[in-house]
C-alpha atoms as a PDB file:
ATOM      1  CA  MET A   1      54.394  16.148  25.607  1.00  0.00           C
ATOM      2  CA  ASN A   2      51.660  18.040  28.139  1.00  0.00           C
ATOM      3  CA  ARG A   3      50.988  21.504  26.580  1.00  0.00           C
ATOM      4  CA  ARG A   4      51.030  23.195  29.895  1.00  0.00           C
ATOM      5  CA  SER A   5      54.341  22.054  30.718  1.00  0.00           C
ATOM      6  CA  PHE A   6      55.989  22.847  27.579  1.00  0.00           C
ATOM      7  CA  ILE A   7      54.867  26.623  27.668  1.00  0.00           C
ATOM      8  CA  ALA A   8      55.803  26.722  31.456  1.00  0.00           C
ATOM      9  CA  THR A   9      59.108  25.162  30.689  1.00  0.00           C
ATOM     10  CA  LEU A  10      59.708  27.692  27.577  1.00  0.00           C
ATOM     11  CA  CYS A  11      58.902  30.556  29.212  1.00  0.00           C
ATOM     12  CA  GLY A  12      61.189  29.519  32.194  1.00  0.00           C
ATOM     13  CA  GLY A  13      64.062  29.054  29.739  1.00  0.00           C
ATOM     14  CA  LEU A  14      63.727  32.377  28.044  1.00  0.00           C
ATOM     15  CA  ALA A  15      63.975  34.020  31.240  1.00  0.00           C
ATOM     16  CA  ALA A  16      66.621  32.106  32.857  1.00  0.00           C
ATOM     17  CA  SER A  17      68.648  32.704  29.542  1.00  0.00           C
ATOM     18  CA  ALA A  18      67.543  36.650  29.380  1.00  0.00           C
ATOM     19  CA  ALA A  19      70.577  38.565  29.823  1.00  0.00           C
ATOM     20  CA  GLY A  20      70.672  42.088  31.608  1.00  0.00           C
ATOM     21  CA  VAL A  21      71.423  43.625  34.649  1.00  0.00           C
ATOM     22  CA  SER A  22      67.985  43.662  36.197  1.00  0.00           C
ATOM     23  CA  LEU A  23      67.303  39.946  35.634  1.00  0.00           C
ATOM     24  CA  ALA A  24      70.580  38.983  37.160  1.00  0.00           C
ATOM     25  CA  SER A  25      70.189  41.128  40.035  1.00  0.00           C
ATOM     26  CA  ALA A  26      66.351  40.284  40.957  1.00  0.00           C
ATOM     27  CA  PRO A  27      65.454  36.752  41.811  1.00  0.00           C
ATOM     28  CA  VAL A  28      63.700  35.118  38.834  1.00  0.00           C
ATOM     29  CA  ALA A  29      60.319  32.921  40.008  1.00  0.00           C
ATOM     30  CA  ALA A  30      59.295  30.036  38.009  1.00  0.00           C
ATOM     31  CA  ALA A  31      56.857  31.011  35.465  1.00  0.00           C
ATOM     32  CA  SER A  32      53.353  29.966  36.108  1.00  0.00           C
ATOM     33  CA  LEU A  33      50.194  30.172  33.809  1.00  0.00           C
ATOM     34  CA  ALA A  34      47.126  31.790  34.988  1.00  0.00           C
ATOM     35  CA  PRO A  35      44.184  29.098  35.153  1.00  0.00           C
ATOM     36  CA  GLU A  36      42.089  30.649  32.309  1.00  0.00           C
ATOM     37  CA  ASN A  37      45.194  30.554  29.900  1.00  0.00           C
ATOM     38  CA  ALA A  38      46.192  26.639  31.316  1.00  0.00           C
ATOM     39  CA  ALA A  39      42.539  25.694  30.396  1.00  0.00           C
ATOM     40  CA  ARG A  40      42.681  27.458  27.045  1.00  0.00           C
ATOM     41  CA  LEU A  41      45.937  25.524  26.189  1.00  0.00           C
ATOM     42  CA  ASP A  42      43.917  22.372  27.424  1.00  0.00           C
ATOM     43  CA  ALA A  43      41.092  22.746  25.059  1.00  0.00           C
ATOM     44  CA  ALA A  44      43.327  23.456  22.367  1.00  0.00           C
ATOM     45  CA  PRO A  45      43.042  21.091  19.192  1.00  0.00           C
ATOM     46  CA  ALA A  46      45.632  18.255  19.678  1.00  0.00           C
ATOM     47  CA  GLU A  47      46.503  18.217  15.934  1.00  0.00           C
ATOM     48  CA  PHE A  48      47.764  21.641  16.159  1.00  0.00           C
ATOM     49  CA  SER A  49      49.994  21.363  19.381  1.00  0.00           C
ATOM     50  CA  GLN A  50      51.509  18.069  19.187  1.00  0.00           C
ATOM     51  CA  TYR A  51      53.678  16.425  16.248  1.00  0.00           C
ATOM     52  CA  TRP A  52      52.851  13.065  14.875  1.00  0.00           C
ATOM     53  CA  ARG A  53      55.158  11.743  12.357  1.00  0.00           C
ATOM     54  CA  ARG A  54      54.032   9.175   9.891  1.00  0.00           C
ATOM     55  CA  PRO A  55      55.800   5.896   9.276  1.00  0.00           C
ATOM     56  CA  ARG A  56      58.615   5.472   6.679  1.00  0.00           C
ATOM     57  CA  ARG A  57      58.653   2.957   3.689  1.00  0.00           C
ATOM     58  CA  ARG A  58      60.963   0.418   4.049  1.00  0.00           C
ATOM     59  CA  ARG A  59      62.009  -2.953   2.492  1.00  0.00           C
ATOM     60  CA  THR A  60      64.828  -5.702   3.435  1.00  0.00           C
ATOM     61  CA  VAL A  61      67.758  -5.769   0.999  1.00  0.00           C
ATOM     62  CA  CYS A  62      69.531  -9.144   1.323  1.00  0.00           C
ATOM     63  CA  SER A  63      72.895  -9.868  -0.284  1.00  0.00           C
ATOM     64  CA  VAL A  64      75.234 -12.935  -0.243  1.00  0.00           C
ATOM     65  CA  ARG A  65      78.901 -12.447   1.321  1.00  0.00           C
ATOM     66  CA  ARG A  66      81.789 -14.471   2.317  1.00  0.00           C
ATOM     67  CA  ASN A  67      82.587 -14.412   6.114  1.00  0.00           C
ATOM     68  CA  ARG A  68      86.229 -14.343   7.511  1.00  0.00           C
ATOM     69  CA  TYR A  69      86.223 -17.995   7.110  1.00  0.00           C
ATOM     70  CA  GLY A  70      85.187 -18.057   3.486  1.00  0.00           C
ATOM     71  CA  ARG A  71      81.878 -19.650   3.913  1.00  0.00           C
ATOM     72  CA  ARG A  72      79.015 -17.848   2.144  1.00  0.00           C
ATOM     73  CA  VAL A  73      76.520 -15.845   4.312  1.00  0.00           C
ATOM     74  CA  ARG A  74      73.443 -13.667   3.394  1.00  0.00           C
ATOM     75  CA  VAL A  75      73.591 -10.214   5.226  1.00  0.00           C
ATOM     76  CA  CYS A  76      70.431  -8.367   5.375  1.00  0.00           C
ATOM     77  CA  ARG A  77      69.916  -4.486   6.106  1.00  0.00           C
ATOM     78  CA  THR A  78      66.838  -2.249   6.068  1.00  0.00           C
ATOM     79  CA  VAL A  79      66.506   0.187   3.480  1.00  0.00           C
ATOM     80  CA  TYR A  80      64.443   3.479   3.416  1.00  0.00           C
ATOM     81  CA  TYR A  81      62.796   4.820   0.632  1.00  0.00           C
END
């Protein structure tokens, strides 16, 4: 996810959901970042700003069951551990 658009969306969402007469009466402009703040966000290390999920361990477990005609069939499913 782009860091700049995430921060802008977050600020815009907070501004739109804020309750109050002053905010409801005045038109709310979209939050824009100053160029120096945008450059600082783009220079931030990616490992602290974006989420990475490691792969889960999995294996296939099979069992033999009978189908609706009485025939034996193998049914396999993936199990995460």
